[in-house]
Amino acid sequence: MTAVNYSDALNNFEGFRDTAVRDFETIIVTRGPNENVVIMSDGISREGRIPRRKDVLFHAAD
């Protein structure tokens, strides 16, 4: 699982999209209190797949 702020997600959307699909990584976009959104491959929800590597939490500062 990766967490990034809204600005980073907007500026690097293609990269995060590719990471979600290629690595089955869940990307959390932090926007504000109770306003987070998630980018994830439909393969995760459809097939119940989980990433094969350890979960990593990364929070980018503004």
C-alpha atoms as a PDB file:
ATOM      1  CA  MET A   1       0.000   0.000   0.000  1.00  0.00           C
ATOM      2  CA  THR A   2       1.307   3.434  -0.945  1.00  0.00           C
ATOM      3  CA  ALA A   3      -0.027   6.797   0.240  1.00  0.00           C
ATOM      4  CA  VAL A   4       0.634   9.992  -1.722  1.00  0.00           C
ATOM      5  CA  ASN A   5      -0.740  13.487  -1.483  1.00  0.00           C
ATOM      6  CA  TYR A   6      -3.150  14.862  -4.070  1.00  0.00           C
ATOM      7  CA  SER A   7      -0.554  17.037  -5.839  1.00  0.00           C
ATOM      8  CA  ASP A   8       1.856  14.123  -6.322  1.00  0.00           C
ATOM      9  CA  ALA A   9      -0.963  11.883  -7.551  1.00  0.00           C
ATOM     10  CA  LEU A  10      -2.080  14.524 -10.040  1.00  0.00           C
ATOM     11  CA  ASN A  11       1.450  15.204 -11.323  1.00  0.00           C
ATOM     12  CA  ASN A  12       2.374  11.503 -11.584  1.00  0.00           C
ATOM     13  CA  PHE A  13      -0.976   9.877 -12.330  1.00  0.00           C
ATOM     14  CA  GLU A  14       0.274   7.691 -15.184  1.00  0.00           C
ATOM     15  CA  GLY A  15       3.078   6.296 -13.044  1.00  0.00           C
ATOM     16  CA  PHE A  16       0.770   5.519 -10.121  1.00  0.00           C
ATOM     17  CA  ARG A  17      -1.800   4.013 -12.478  1.00  0.00           C
ATOM     18  CA  ASP A  18       0.839   1.743 -14.008  1.00  0.00           C
ATOM     19  CA  THR A  19       2.117   0.736 -10.557  1.00  0.00           C
ATOM     20  CA  ALA A  20      -1.403  -0.177  -9.445  1.00  0.00           C
ATOM     21  CA  VAL A  21      -1.958  -2.377 -12.491  1.00  0.00           C
ATOM     22  CA  ARG A  22       1.517  -3.890 -12.898  1.00  0.00           C
ATOM     23  CA  ASP A  23       2.312  -4.532  -9.217  1.00  0.00           C
ATOM     24  CA  PHE A  24      -1.233  -4.898  -7.830  1.00  0.00           C
ATOM     25  CA  GLU A  25      -0.349  -1.956  -5.584  1.00  0.00           C
ATOM     26  CA  THR A  26      -3.077  -0.011  -3.801  1.00  0.00           C
ATOM     27  CA  ILE A  27      -2.467   3.758  -3.955  1.00  0.00           C
ATOM     28  CA  ILE A  28      -4.151   5.962  -1.346  1.00  0.00           C
ATOM     29  CA  VAL A  29      -4.459   9.606  -2.381  1.00  0.00           C
ATOM     30  CA  THR A  30      -4.602  11.810   0.716  1.00  0.00           C
ATOM     31  CA  ARG A  31      -6.678  14.963   0.259  1.00  0.00           C
ATOM     32  CA  GLY A  32      -7.827  16.083   3.668  1.00  0.00           C
ATOM     33  CA  PRO A  33      -9.693  14.864   6.708  1.00  0.00           C
ATOM     34  CA  ASN A  34     -11.927  11.970   5.628  1.00  0.00           C
ATOM     35  CA  GLU A  35     -11.451  12.754   1.911  1.00  0.00           C
ATOM     36  CA  ASN A  36      -8.961  10.085   0.821  1.00  0.00           C
ATOM     37  CA  VAL A  37      -9.463   8.148  -2.409  1.00  0.00           C
ATOM     38  CA  VAL A  38      -7.973   4.873  -3.636  1.00  0.00           C
ATOM     39  CA  ILE A  39      -6.431   3.874  -6.970  1.00  0.00           C
ATOM     40  CA  MET A  40      -6.280   0.120  -7.494  1.00  0.00           C
ATOM     41  CA  SER A  41      -6.308  -2.397 -10.293  1.00  0.00           C
ATOM     42  CA  ASP A  42      -9.673  -3.950 -11.022  1.00  0.00           C
ATOM     43  CA  GLY A  43      -7.768  -7.262 -10.967  1.00  0.00           C
ATOM     44  CA  ILE A  44      -7.484  -6.904  -7.193  1.00  0.00           C
ATOM     45  CA  SER A  45     -11.208  -6.459  -6.594  1.00  0.00           C
ATOM     46  CA  ARG A  46     -12.370  -8.795  -9.348  1.00  0.00           C
ATOM     47  CA  GLU A  47     -10.034 -11.698  -8.584  1.00  0.00           C
ATOM     48  CA  GLY A  48      -9.352 -11.029  -4.921  1.00  0.00           C
ATOM     49  CA  ARG A  49      -5.643 -10.778  -5.683  1.00  0.00           C
ATOM     50  CA  ILE A  50      -3.210  -9.300  -3.219  1.00  0.00           C
ATOM     51  CA  PRO A  51       0.305  -7.976  -3.828  1.00  0.00           C
ATOM     52  CA  ARG A  52       3.002 -10.650  -3.727  1.00  0.00           C
ATOM     53  CA  ARG A  53       5.541  -8.447  -1.973  1.00  0.00           C
ATOM     54  CA  LYS A  54       5.426  -6.841   1.453  1.00  0.00           C
ATOM     55  CA  ASP A  55       3.095  -3.894   1.895  1.00  0.00           C
ATOM     56  CA  VAL A  56       4.945  -0.591   2.024  1.00  0.00           C
ATOM     57  CA  LEU A  57       3.531   2.642   3.390  1.00  0.00           C
ATOM     58  CA  PHE A  58       4.914   5.865   1.964  1.00  0.00           C
ATOM     59  CA  HIS A  59       3.519   9.306   2.668  1.00  0.00           C
ATOM     60  CA  ALA A  60       4.816  12.169   0.529  1.00  0.00           C
ATOM     61  CA  ALA A  61       4.875  15.594   2.159  1.00  0.00           C
ATOM     62  CA  ASP A  62       3.460  18.633   0.381  1.00  0.00           C
END
